[in-house]
Amino acid sequence: MKIQNDEMKKKLIQRLRRIEGQVRGVQTMLDEERDCREIMQQLTAIYSAVQSTSRVFFRDYASICLAEIDEQVEPKHGPALKAKREKMVQEMIMLLDKTP
């Protein structure tokens, strides 16, 4: 499956570029022999940003995949099935949030 929503793709790329900048910032901090606490704080921020980006990607990916399945199943049940799928995606995201 490819990301077909250009806006979603743009937002994910923006997030990844921000993370890339944070990583380069930590490299600079190491070169400058900055305080370990500051470096650890930035590493924690990077970790959180990666998790957040993963959740956004997962939510959109799962929604698209489930929507494609729904289109192949009986179209007359579309709205009810879509609501059920969205609920399932939200539950999956909650589980994903709880993983390390």
PDB file of N, CA and C in Angstrom:
ATOM      1  N   MET A   1       0.839  -1.174   0.000  1.00  0.00           N
ATOM      2  CA  MET A   1       0.000   0.000   0.000  1.00  0.00           C
ATOM      3  C   MET A   1       0.887   1.242   0.000  1.00  0.00           C
ATOM      4  N   LYS A   2       0.501   2.222  -0.784  1.00  0.00           N
ATOM      5  CA  LYS A   2       1.227   3.481  -0.839  1.00  0.00           C
ATOM      6  C   LYS A   2       0.397   4.553  -0.155  1.00  0.00           C
ATOM      7  N   ILE A   3       1.078   5.545   0.379  1.00  0.00           N
ATOM      8  CA  ILE A   3       0.372   6.682   0.972  1.00  0.00           C
ATOM      9  C   ILE A   3      -0.146   7.537  -0.176  1.00  0.00           C
ATOM     10  N   GLN A   4      -1.448   7.583  -0.313  1.00  0.00           N
ATOM     11  CA  GLN A   4      -2.049   8.309  -1.418  1.00  0.00           C
ATOM     12  C   GLN A   4      -2.510   9.704  -1.021  1.00  0.00           C
ATOM     13  N   ASN A   5      -2.664   9.929   0.257  1.00  0.00           N
ATOM     14  CA  ASN A   5      -3.097  11.235   0.737  1.00  0.00           C
ATOM     15  C   ASN A   5      -1.875  12.151   0.821  1.00  0.00           C
ATOM     16  N   ASP A   6      -1.810  13.120  -0.089  1.00  0.00           N
ATOM     17  CA  ASP A   6      -0.642  14.002  -0.153  1.00  0.00           C
ATOM     18  C   ASP A   6      -0.461  14.825   1.113  1.00  0.00           C
ATOM     19  N   GLU A   7      -1.555  15.249   1.723  1.00  0.00           N
ATOM     20  CA  GLU A   7      -1.468  16.054   2.949  1.00  0.00           C
ATOM     21  C   GLU A   7      -0.879  15.218   4.089  1.00  0.00           C
ATOM     22  N   MET A   8      -1.322  13.964   4.204  1.00  0.00           N
ATOM     23  CA  MET A   8      -0.793  13.081   5.243  1.00  0.00           C
ATOM     24  C   MET A   8       0.703  12.846   5.020  1.00  0.00           C
ATOM     25  N   LYS A   9       1.066  12.595   3.759  1.00  0.00           N
ATOM     26  CA  LYS A   9       2.473  12.360   3.437  1.00  0.00           C
ATOM     27  C   LYS A   9       3.309  13.591   3.783  1.00  0.00           C
ATOM     28  N   LYS A  10       2.814  14.766   3.459  1.00  0.00           N
ATOM     29  CA  LYS A  10       3.528  16.009   3.740  1.00  0.00           C
ATOM     30  C   LYS A  10       3.755  16.193   5.244  1.00  0.00           C
ATOM     31  N   LYS A  11       2.721  15.917   6.038  1.00  0.00           N
ATOM     32  CA  LYS A  11       2.831  16.068   7.494  1.00  0.00           C
ATOM     33  C   LYS A  11       3.823  15.061   8.082  1.00  0.00           C
ATOM     34  N   LEU A  12       3.805  13.833   7.585  1.00  0.00           N
ATOM     35  CA  LEU A  12       4.757  12.831   8.074  1.00  0.00           C
ATOM     36  C   LEU A  12       6.194  13.228   7.734  1.00  0.00           C
ATOM     37  N   ILE A  13       6.396  13.721   6.529  1.00  0.00           N
ATOM     38  CA  ILE A  13       7.740  14.147   6.131  1.00  0.00           C
ATOM     39  C   ILE A  13       8.201  15.316   6.992  1.00  0.00           C
ATOM     40  N   GLN A  14       7.298  16.250   7.304  1.00  0.00           N
ATOM     41  CA  GLN A  14       7.650  17.376   8.171  1.00  0.00           C
ATOM     42  C   GLN A  14       8.079  16.884   9.545  1.00  0.00           C
ATOM     43  N   ARG A  15       7.331  15.932  10.088  1.00  0.00           N
ATOM     44  CA  ARG A  15       7.678  15.376  11.399  1.00  0.00           C
ATOM     45  C   ARG A  15       9.055  14.708  11.361  1.00  0.00           C
ATOM     46  N   LEU A  16       9.291  13.935  10.306  1.00  0.00           N
ATOM     47  CA  LEU A  16      10.571  13.229  10.193  1.00  0.00           C
ATOM     48  C   LEU A  16      11.731  14.197  10.019  1.00  0.00           C
ATOM     49  N   ARG A  17      11.521  15.274   9.303  1.00  0.00           N
ATOM     50  CA  ARG A  17      12.582  16.268   9.147  1.00  0.00           C
ATOM     51  C   ARG A  17      12.884  16.962  10.470  1.00  0.00           C
ATOM     52  N   ARG A  18      11.835  17.197  11.260  1.00  0.00           N
ATOM     53  CA  ARG A  18      12.040  17.792  12.581  1.00  0.00           C
ATOM     54  C   ARG A  18      12.857  16.840  13.453  1.00  0.00           C
ATOM     55  N   ILE A  19      12.532  15.563  13.406  1.00  0.00           N
ATOM     56  CA  ILE A  19      13.280  14.552  14.167  1.00  0.00           C
ATOM     57  C   ILE A  19      14.729  14.501  13.685  1.00  0.00           C
ATOM     58  N   GLU A  20      14.912  14.543  12.387  1.00  0.00           N
ATOM     59  CA  GLU A  20      16.265  14.547  11.819  1.00  0.00           C
ATOM     60  C   GLU A  20      17.076  15.732  12.353  1.00  0.00           C
ATOM     61  N   GLY A  21      16.437  16.898  12.439  1.00  0.00           N
ATOM     62  CA  GLY A  21      17.109  18.078  12.986  1.00  0.00           C
ATOM     63  C   GLY A  21      17.466  17.898  14.450  1.00  0.00           C
ATOM     64  N   GLN A  22      16.562  17.249  15.198  1.00  0.00           N
ATOM     65  CA  GLN A  22      16.842  16.996  16.610  1.00  0.00           C
ATOM     66  C   GLN A  22      18.054  16.068  16.758  1.00  0.00           C
ATOM     67  N   VAL A  23      18.140  15.053  15.920  1.00  0.00           N
ATOM     68  CA  VAL A  23      19.255  14.106  15.981  1.00  0.00           C
ATOM     69  C   VAL A  23      20.563  14.826  15.657  1.00  0.00           C
ATOM     70  N   ARG A  24      20.544  15.665  14.632  1.00  0.00           N
ATOM     71  CA  ARG A  24      21.751  16.434  14.312  1.00  0.00           C
ATOM     72  C   ARG A  24      22.127  17.352  15.472  1.00  0.00           C
ATOM     73  N   GLY A  25      21.112  17.895  16.146  1.00  0.00           N
ATOM     74  CA  GLY A  25      21.373  18.747  17.302  1.00  0.00           C
ATOM     75  C   GLY A  25      22.067  17.990  18.416  1.00  0.00           C
ATOM     76  N   VAL A  26      21.666  16.753  18.651  1.00  0.00           N
ATOM     77  CA  VAL A  26      22.316  15.931  19.680  1.00  0.00           C
ATOM     78  C   VAL A  26      23.756  15.634  19.276  1.00  0.00           C
ATOM     79  N   GLN A  27      23.991  15.377  17.995  1.00  0.00           N
ATOM     80  CA  GLN A  27      25.358  15.146  17.539  1.00  0.00           C
ATOM     81  C   GLN A  27      26.226  16.367  17.828  1.00  0.00           C
ATOM     82  N   THR A  28      25.685  17.542  17.572  1.00  0.00           N
ATOM     83  CA  THR A  28      26.414  18.782  17.864  1.00  0.00           C
ATOM     84  C   THR A  28      26.663  18.921  19.356  1.00  0.00           C
ATOM     85  N   MET A  29      25.654  18.598  20.151  1.00  0.00           N
ATOM     86  CA  MET A  29      25.804  18.679  21.601  1.00  0.00           C
ATOM     87  C   MET A  29      26.930  17.767  22.077  1.00  0.00           C
ATOM     88  N   LEU A  30      27.018  16.576  21.500  1.00  0.00           N
ATOM     89  CA  LEU A  30      28.091  15.648  21.867  1.00  0.00           C
ATOM     90  C   LEU A  30      29.451  16.204  21.466  1.00  0.00           C
ATOM     91  N   ASP A  31      29.517  16.760  20.256  1.00  0.00           N
ATOM     92  CA  ASP A  31      30.776  17.372  19.806  1.00  0.00           C
ATOM     93  C   ASP A  31      31.209  18.514  20.713  1.00  0.00           C
ATOM     94  N   GLU A  32      30.232  19.262  21.214  1.00  0.00           N
ATOM     95  CA  GLU A  32      30.515  20.406  22.078  1.00  0.00           C
ATOM     96  C   GLU A  32      30.684  20.011  23.539  1.00  0.00           C
ATOM     97  N   GLU A  33      30.561  18.699  23.813  1.00  0.00           N
ATOM     98  CA  GLU A  33      30.679  18.164  25.172  1.00  0.00           C
ATOM     99  C   GLU A  33      29.722  18.850  26.141  1.00  0.00           C
ATOM    100  N   ARG A  34      28.464  18.935  25.710  1.00  0.00           N
ATOM    101  CA  ARG A  34      27.441  19.550  26.539  1.00  0.00           C
ATOM    102  C   ARG A  34      27.085  18.628  27.700  1.00  0.00           C
ATOM    103  N   ASP A  35      26.366  19.175  28.651  1.00  0.00           N
ATOM    104  CA  ASP A  35      25.959  18.450  29.855  1.00  0.00           C
ATOM    105  C   ASP A  35      25.123  17.216  29.490  1.00  0.00           C
ATOM    106  N   CYS A  36      25.400  16.121  30.167  1.00  0.00           N
ATOM    107  CA  CYS A  36      24.703  14.854  29.904  1.00  0.00           C
ATOM    108  C   CYS A  36      23.195  14.969  30.089  1.00  0.00           C
ATOM    109  N   ARG A  37      22.762  15.750  31.052  1.00  0.00           N
ATOM    110  CA  ARG A  37      21.323  15.909  31.283  1.00  0.00           C
ATOM    111  C   ARG A  37      20.645  16.564  30.095  1.00  0.00           C
ATOM    112  N   GLU A  38      21.298  17.558  29.509  1.00  0.00           N
ATOM    113  CA  GLU A  38      20.731  18.227  28.328  1.00  0.00           C
ATOM    114  C   GLU A  38      20.629  17.258  27.161  1.00  0.00           C
ATOM    115  N   ILE A  39      21.667  16.457  26.981  1.00  0.00           N
ATOM    116  CA  ILE A  39      21.665  15.475  25.892  1.00  0.00           C
ATOM    117  C   ILE A  39      20.567  14.444  26.115  1.00  0.00           C
ATOM    118  N   MET A  40      20.451  13.967  27.340  1.00  0.00           N
ATOM    119  CA  MET A  40      19.424  12.980  27.642  1.00  0.00           C
ATOM    120  C   MET A  40      18.029  13.556  27.422  1.00  0.00           C
ATOM    121  N   GLN A  41      17.842  14.802  27.769  1.00  0.00           N
ATOM    122  CA  GLN A  41      16.553  15.467  27.563  1.00  0.00           C
ATOM    123  C   GLN A  41      16.206  15.498  26.067  1.00  0.00           C
ATOM    124  N   GLN A  42      17.193  15.800  25.242  1.00  0.00           N
ATOM    125  CA  GLN A  42      16.956  15.835  23.797  1.00  0.00           C
ATOM    126  C   GLN A  42      16.692  14.431  23.245  1.00  0.00           C
ATOM    127  N   LEU A  43      17.400  13.433  23.742  1.00  0.00           N
ATOM    128  CA  LEU A  43      17.164  12.055  23.310  1.00  0.00           C
ATOM    129  C   LEU A  43      15.751  11.604  23.680  1.00  0.00           C
ATOM    130  N   THR A  44      15.294  12.012  24.851  1.00  0.00           N
ATOM    131  CA  THR A  44      13.929  11.691  25.268  1.00  0.00           C
ATOM    132  C   THR A  44      12.916  12.366  24.349  1.00  0.00           C
ATOM    133  N   ALA A  45      13.186  13.599  23.971  1.00  0.00           N
ATOM    134  CA  ALA A  45      12.301  14.316  23.046  1.00  0.00           C
ATOM    135  C   ALA A  45      12.253  13.619  21.686  1.00  0.00           C
ATOM    136  N   ILE A  46      13.408  13.145  21.226  1.00  0.00           N
ATOM    137  CA  ILE A  46      13.463  12.428  19.951  1.00  0.00           C
ATOM    138  C   ILE A  46      12.644  11.147  20.035  1.00  0.00           C
ATOM    139  N   TYR A  47      12.819  10.418  21.115  1.00  0.00           N
ATOM    140  CA  TYR A  47      12.074   9.167  21.325  1.00  0.00           C
ATOM    141  C   TYR A  47      10.567   9.432  21.280  1.00  0.00           C
ATOM    142  N   SER A  48      10.128  10.462  21.977  1.00  0.00           N
ATOM    143  CA  SER A  48       8.706  10.802  22.000  1.00  0.00           C
ATOM    144  C   SER A  48       8.207  11.203  20.613  1.00  0.00           C
ATOM    145  N   ALA A  49       9.023  11.959  19.887  1.00  0.00           N
ATOM    146  CA  ALA A  49       8.638  12.394  18.545  1.00  0.00           C
ATOM    147  C   ALA A  49       8.508  11.206  17.594  1.00  0.00           C
ATOM    148  N   VAL A  50       9.419  10.239  17.721  1.00  0.00           N
ATOM    149  CA  VAL A  50       9.347   9.048  16.874  1.00  0.00           C
ATOM    150  C   VAL A  50       8.094   8.240  17.213  1.00  0.00           C
ATOM    151  N   GLN A  51       7.798   8.087  18.496  1.00  0.00           N
ATOM    152  CA  GLN A  51       6.594   7.361  18.899  1.00  0.00           C
ATOM    153  C   GLN A  51       5.342   8.047  18.366  1.00  0.00           C
ATOM    154  N   SER A  52       5.281   9.352  18.499  1.00  0.00           N
ATOM    155  CA  SER A  52       4.133  10.117  18.034  1.00  0.00           C
ATOM    156  C   SER A  52       3.959   9.970  16.521  1.00  0.00           C
ATOM    157  N   THR A  53       5.052  10.059  15.794  1.00  0.00           N
ATOM    158  CA  THR A  53       5.002   9.911  14.339  1.00  0.00           C
ATOM    159  C   THR A  53       4.552   8.502  13.963  1.00  0.00           C
ATOM    160  N   SER A  54       5.028   7.521  14.700  1.00  0.00           N
ATOM    161  CA  SER A  54       4.622   6.136  14.447  1.00  0.00           C
ATOM    162  C   SER A  54       3.125   5.962  14.649  1.00  0.00           C
ATOM    163  N   ARG A  55       2.592   6.569  15.705  1.00  0.00           N
ATOM    164  CA  ARG A  55       1.153   6.472  15.969  1.00  0.00           C
ATOM    165  C   ARG A  55       0.339   7.118  14.855  1.00  0.00           C
ATOM    166  N   VAL A  56       0.770   8.293  14.403  1.00  0.00           N
ATOM    167  CA  VAL A  56       0.058   8.987  13.317  1.00  0.00           C
ATOM    168  C   VAL A  56       0.078   8.127  12.055  1.00  0.00           C
ATOM    169  N   PHE A  57       1.256   7.614  11.719  1.00  0.00           N
ATOM    170  CA  PHE A  57       1.376   6.771  10.533  1.00  0.00           C
ATOM    171  C   PHE A  57       0.512   5.528  10.667  1.00  0.00           C
ATOM    172  N   PHE A  58       0.593   4.880  11.808  1.00  0.00           N
ATOM    173  CA  PHE A  58      -0.166   3.650  12.037  1.00  0.00           C
ATOM    174  C   PHE A  58      -1.662   3.902  11.923  1.00  0.00           C
ATOM    175  N   ARG A  59      -2.143   4.970  12.534  1.00  0.00           N
ATOM    176  CA  ARG A  59      -3.573   5.283  12.496  1.00  0.00           C
ATOM    177  C   ARG A  59      -4.041   5.464  11.050  1.00  0.00           C
ATOM    178  N   ASP A  60      -3.311   6.256  10.289  1.00  0.00           N
ATOM    179  CA  ASP A  60      -3.711   6.507   8.908  1.00  0.00           C
ATOM    180  C   ASP A  60      -3.569   5.255   8.048  1.00  0.00           C
ATOM    181  N   TYR A  61      -2.497   4.530   8.242  1.00  0.00           N
ATOM    182  CA  TYR A  61      -2.275   3.291   7.490  1.00  0.00           C
ATOM    183  C   TYR A  61      -3.385   2.282   7.778  1.00  0.00           C
ATOM    184  N   ALA A  62      -3.687   2.087   9.041  1.00  0.00           N
ATOM    185  CA  ALA A  62      -4.726   1.129   9.417  1.00  0.00           C
ATOM    186  C   ALA A  62      -6.080   1.561   8.866  1.00  0.00           C
ATOM    187  N   SER A  63      -6.391   2.852   8.945  1.00  0.00           N
ATOM    188  CA  SER A  63      -7.672   3.341   8.439  1.00  0.00           C
ATOM    189  C   SER A  63      -7.804   3.099   6.939  1.00  0.00           C
ATOM    190  N   ILE A  64      -6.733   3.356   6.218  1.00  0.00           N
ATOM    191  CA  ILE A  64      -6.757   3.167   4.769  1.00  0.00           C
ATOM    192  C   ILE A  64      -6.909   1.682   4.432  1.00  0.00           C
ATOM    193  N   CYS A  65      -6.136   0.850   5.103  1.00  0.00           N
ATOM    194  CA  CYS A  65      -6.214  -0.592   4.841  1.00  0.00           C
ATOM    195  C   CYS A  65      -7.604  -1.142   5.153  1.00  0.00           C
ATOM    196  N   LEU A  66      -8.141  -0.732   6.286  1.00  0.00           N
ATOM    197  CA  LEU A  66      -9.461  -1.213   6.662  1.00  0.00           C
ATOM    198  C   LEU A  66     -10.530  -0.680   5.711  1.00  0.00           C
ATOM    199  N   ALA A  67     -10.378   0.545   5.251  1.00  0.00           N
ATOM    200  CA  ALA A  67     -11.336   1.103   4.296  1.00  0.00           C
ATOM    201  C   ALA A  67     -11.294   0.329   2.986  1.00  0.00           C
ATOM    202  N   GLU A  68     -10.098  -0.053   2.554  1.00  0.00           N
ATOM    203  CA  GLU A  68      -9.982  -0.850   1.330  1.00  0.00           C
ATOM    204  C   GLU A  68     -10.669  -2.196   1.487  1.00  0.00           C
ATOM    205  N   ILE A  69     -10.520  -2.798   2.652  1.00  0.00           N
ATOM    206  CA  ILE A  69     -11.191  -4.073   2.918  1.00  0.00           C
ATOM    207  C   ILE A  69     -12.698  -3.867   2.905  1.00  0.00           C
ATOM    208  N   ASP A  70     -13.149  -2.786   3.534  1.00  0.00           N
ATOM    209  CA  ASP A  70     -14.578  -2.498   3.594  1.00  0.00           C
ATOM    210  C   ASP A  70     -15.177  -2.347   2.200  1.00  0.00           C
ATOM    211  N   GLU A  71     -14.427  -1.727   1.298  1.00  0.00           N
ATOM    212  CA  GLU A  71     -14.932  -1.531  -0.063  1.00  0.00           C
ATOM    213  C   GLU A  71     -15.083  -2.861  -0.790  1.00  0.00           C
ATOM    214  N   GLN A  72     -14.272  -3.826  -0.413  1.00  0.00           N
ATOM    215  CA  GLN A  72     -14.341  -5.130  -1.061  1.00  0.00           C
ATOM    216  C   GLN A  72     -15.436  -5.998  -0.463  1.00  0.00           C
ATOM    217  N   VAL A  73     -15.806  -5.696   0.783  1.00  0.00           N
ATOM    218  CA  VAL A  73     -16.886  -6.428   1.430  1.00  0.00           C
ATOM    219  C   VAL A  73     -18.188  -5.743   1.016  1.00  0.00           C
ATOM    220  N   GLU A  74     -19.262  -6.159   1.531  1.00  0.00           N
ATOM    221  CA  GLU A  74     -20.562  -5.637   1.124  1.00  0.00           C
ATOM    222  C   GLU A  74     -20.659  -4.118   1.275  1.00  0.00           C
ATOM    223  N   PRO A  75     -20.757  -3.388   0.140  1.00  0.00           N
ATOM    224  CA  PRO A  75     -20.851  -1.929   0.192  1.00  0.00           C
ATOM    225  C   PRO A  75     -22.096  -1.424   0.922  1.00  0.00           C
ATOM    226  N   LYS A  76     -23.168  -2.205   0.965  1.00  0.00           N
ATOM    227  CA  LYS A  76     -24.401  -1.729   1.617  1.00  0.00           C
ATOM    228  C   LYS A  76     -24.228  -1.563   3.128  1.00  0.00           C
ATOM    229  N   HIS A  77     -23.226  -2.194   3.716  1.00  0.00           N
ATOM    230  CA  HIS A  77     -22.973  -2.065   5.153  1.00  0.00           C
ATOM    231  C   HIS A  77     -21.901  -1.019   5.440  1.00  0.00           C
ATOM    232  N   GLY A  78     -21.540  -0.247   4.445  1.00  0.00           N
ATOM    233  CA  GLY A  78     -20.447   0.712   4.527  1.00  0.00           C
ATOM    234  C   GLY A  78     -20.392   1.569   5.772  1.00  0.00           C
ATOM    235  N   PRO A  79     -21.403   2.427   6.039  1.00  0.00           N
ATOM    236  CA  PRO A  79     -21.302   3.352   7.185  1.00  0.00           C
ATOM    237  C   PRO A  79     -21.164   2.644   8.532  1.00  0.00           C
ATOM    238  N   ALA A  80     -21.943   1.611   8.764  1.00  0.00           N
ATOM    239  CA  ALA A  80     -21.873   0.896  10.045  1.00  0.00           C
ATOM    240  C   ALA A  80     -20.526   0.188  10.184  1.00  0.00           C
ATOM    241  N   LEU A  81     -20.090  -0.407   9.089  1.00  0.00           N
ATOM    242  CA  LEU A  81     -18.815  -1.118   9.104  1.00  0.00           C
ATOM    243  C   LEU A  81     -17.655  -0.145   9.292  1.00  0.00           C
ATOM    244  N   LYS A  82     -17.756   1.020   8.659  1.00  0.00           N
ATOM    245  CA  LYS A  82     -16.707   2.029   8.786  1.00  0.00           C
ATOM    246  C   LYS A  82     -16.588   2.502  10.236  1.00  0.00           C
ATOM    247  N   ALA A  83     -17.700   2.737  10.903  1.00  0.00           N
ATOM    248  CA  ALA A  83     -17.680   3.167  12.303  1.00  0.00           C
ATOM    249  C   ALA A  83     -17.056   2.089  13.185  1.00  0.00           C
ATOM    250  N   LYS A  84     -17.397   0.854  12.917  1.00  0.00           N
ATOM    251  CA  LYS A  84     -16.834  -0.254  13.689  1.00  0.00           C
ATOM    252  C   LYS A  84     -15.322  -0.342  13.460  1.00  0.00           C
ATOM    253  N   ARG A  85     -14.888  -0.160  12.224  1.00  0.00           N
ATOM    254  CA  ARG A  85     -13.465  -0.210  11.908  1.00  0.00           C
ATOM    255  C   ARG A  85     -12.718   0.931  12.584  1.00  0.00           C
ATOM    256  N   GLU A  86     -13.294   2.127  12.562  1.00  0.00           N
ATOM    257  CA  GLU A  86     -12.654   3.279  13.209  1.00  0.00           C
ATOM    258  C   GLU A  86     -12.467   3.029  14.703  1.00  0.00           C
ATOM    259  N   LYS A  87     -13.476   2.435  15.331  1.00  0.00           N
ATOM    260  CA  LYS A  87     -13.374   2.109  16.755  1.00  0.00           C
ATOM    261  C   LYS A  87     -12.241   1.107  16.981  1.00  0.00           C
ATOM    262  N   MET A  88     -12.141   0.135  16.103  1.00  0.00           N
ATOM    263  CA  MET A  88     -11.086  -0.866  16.228  1.00  0.00           C
ATOM    264  C   MET A  88      -9.709  -0.203  16.064  1.00  0.00           C
ATOM    265  N   VAL A  89      -9.586   0.715  15.133  1.00  0.00           N
ATOM    266  CA  VAL A  89      -8.317   1.419  14.936  1.00  0.00           C
ATOM    267  C   VAL A  89      -7.953   2.190  16.202  1.00  0.00           C
ATOM    268  N   GLN A  90      -8.923   2.884  16.800  1.00  0.00           N
ATOM    269  CA  GLN A  90      -8.651   3.635  18.025  1.00  0.00           C
ATOM    270  C   GLN A  90      -8.194   2.712  19.152  1.00  0.00           C
ATOM    271  N   GLU A  91      -8.802   1.551  19.261  1.00  0.00           N
ATOM    272  CA  GLU A  91      -8.396   0.579  20.279  1.00  0.00           C
ATOM    273  C   GLU A  91      -6.969   0.078  20.009  1.00  0.00           C
ATOM    274  N   MET A  92      -6.653  -0.132  18.741  1.00  0.00           N
ATOM    275  CA  MET A  92      -5.308  -0.580  18.385  1.00  0.00           C
ATOM    276  C   MET A  92      -4.279   0.493  18.726  1.00  0.00           C
ATOM    277  N   ILE A  93      -4.634   1.734  18.505  1.00  0.00           N
ATOM    278  CA  ILE A  93      -3.715   2.833  18.824  1.00  0.00           C
ATOM    279  C   ILE A  93      -3.501   2.913  20.333  1.00  0.00           C
ATOM    280  N   MET A  94      -4.558   2.725  21.109  1.00  0.00           N
ATOM    281  CA  MET A  94      -4.404   2.741  22.569  1.00  0.00           C
ATOM    282  C   MET A  94      -3.441   1.640  23.001  1.00  0.00           C
ATOM    283  N   LEU A  95      -3.557   0.460  22.392  1.00  0.00           N
ATOM    284  CA  LEU A  95      -2.626  -0.614  22.716  1.00  0.00           C
ATOM    285  C   LEU A  95      -1.202  -0.256  22.295  1.00  0.00           C
ATOM    286  N   LEU A  96      -1.070   0.355  21.132  1.00  0.00           N
ATOM    287  CA  LEU A  96       0.237   0.772  20.645  1.00  0.00           C
ATOM    288  C   LEU A  96       0.859   1.784  21.596  1.00  0.00           C
ATOM    289  N   ASP A  97       0.047   2.685  22.142  1.00  0.00           N
ATOM    290  CA  ASP A  97       0.540   3.691  23.090  1.00  0.00           C
ATOM    291  C   ASP A  97       1.123   3.050  24.347  1.00  0.00           C
ATOM    292  N   LYS A  98       0.628   1.889  24.689  1.00  0.00           N
ATOM    293  CA  LYS A  98       1.076   1.236  25.920  1.00  0.00           C
ATOM    294  C   LYS A  98       2.347   0.411  25.734  1.00  0.00           C
ATOM    295  N   THR A  99       2.770   0.239  24.497  1.00  0.00           N
ATOM    296  CA  THR A  99       3.982  -0.543  24.264  1.00  0.00           C
ATOM    297  C   THR A  99       5.213   0.327  24.411  1.00  0.00           C
ATOM    298  N   PRO A 100       6.309  -0.251  24.879  1.00  0.00           N
ATOM    299  CA  PRO A 100       7.532   0.524  25.061  1.00  0.00           C
ATOM    300  C   PRO A 100       8.181   0.906  23.749  1.00  0.00           C
TER     301      PRO A 100
END
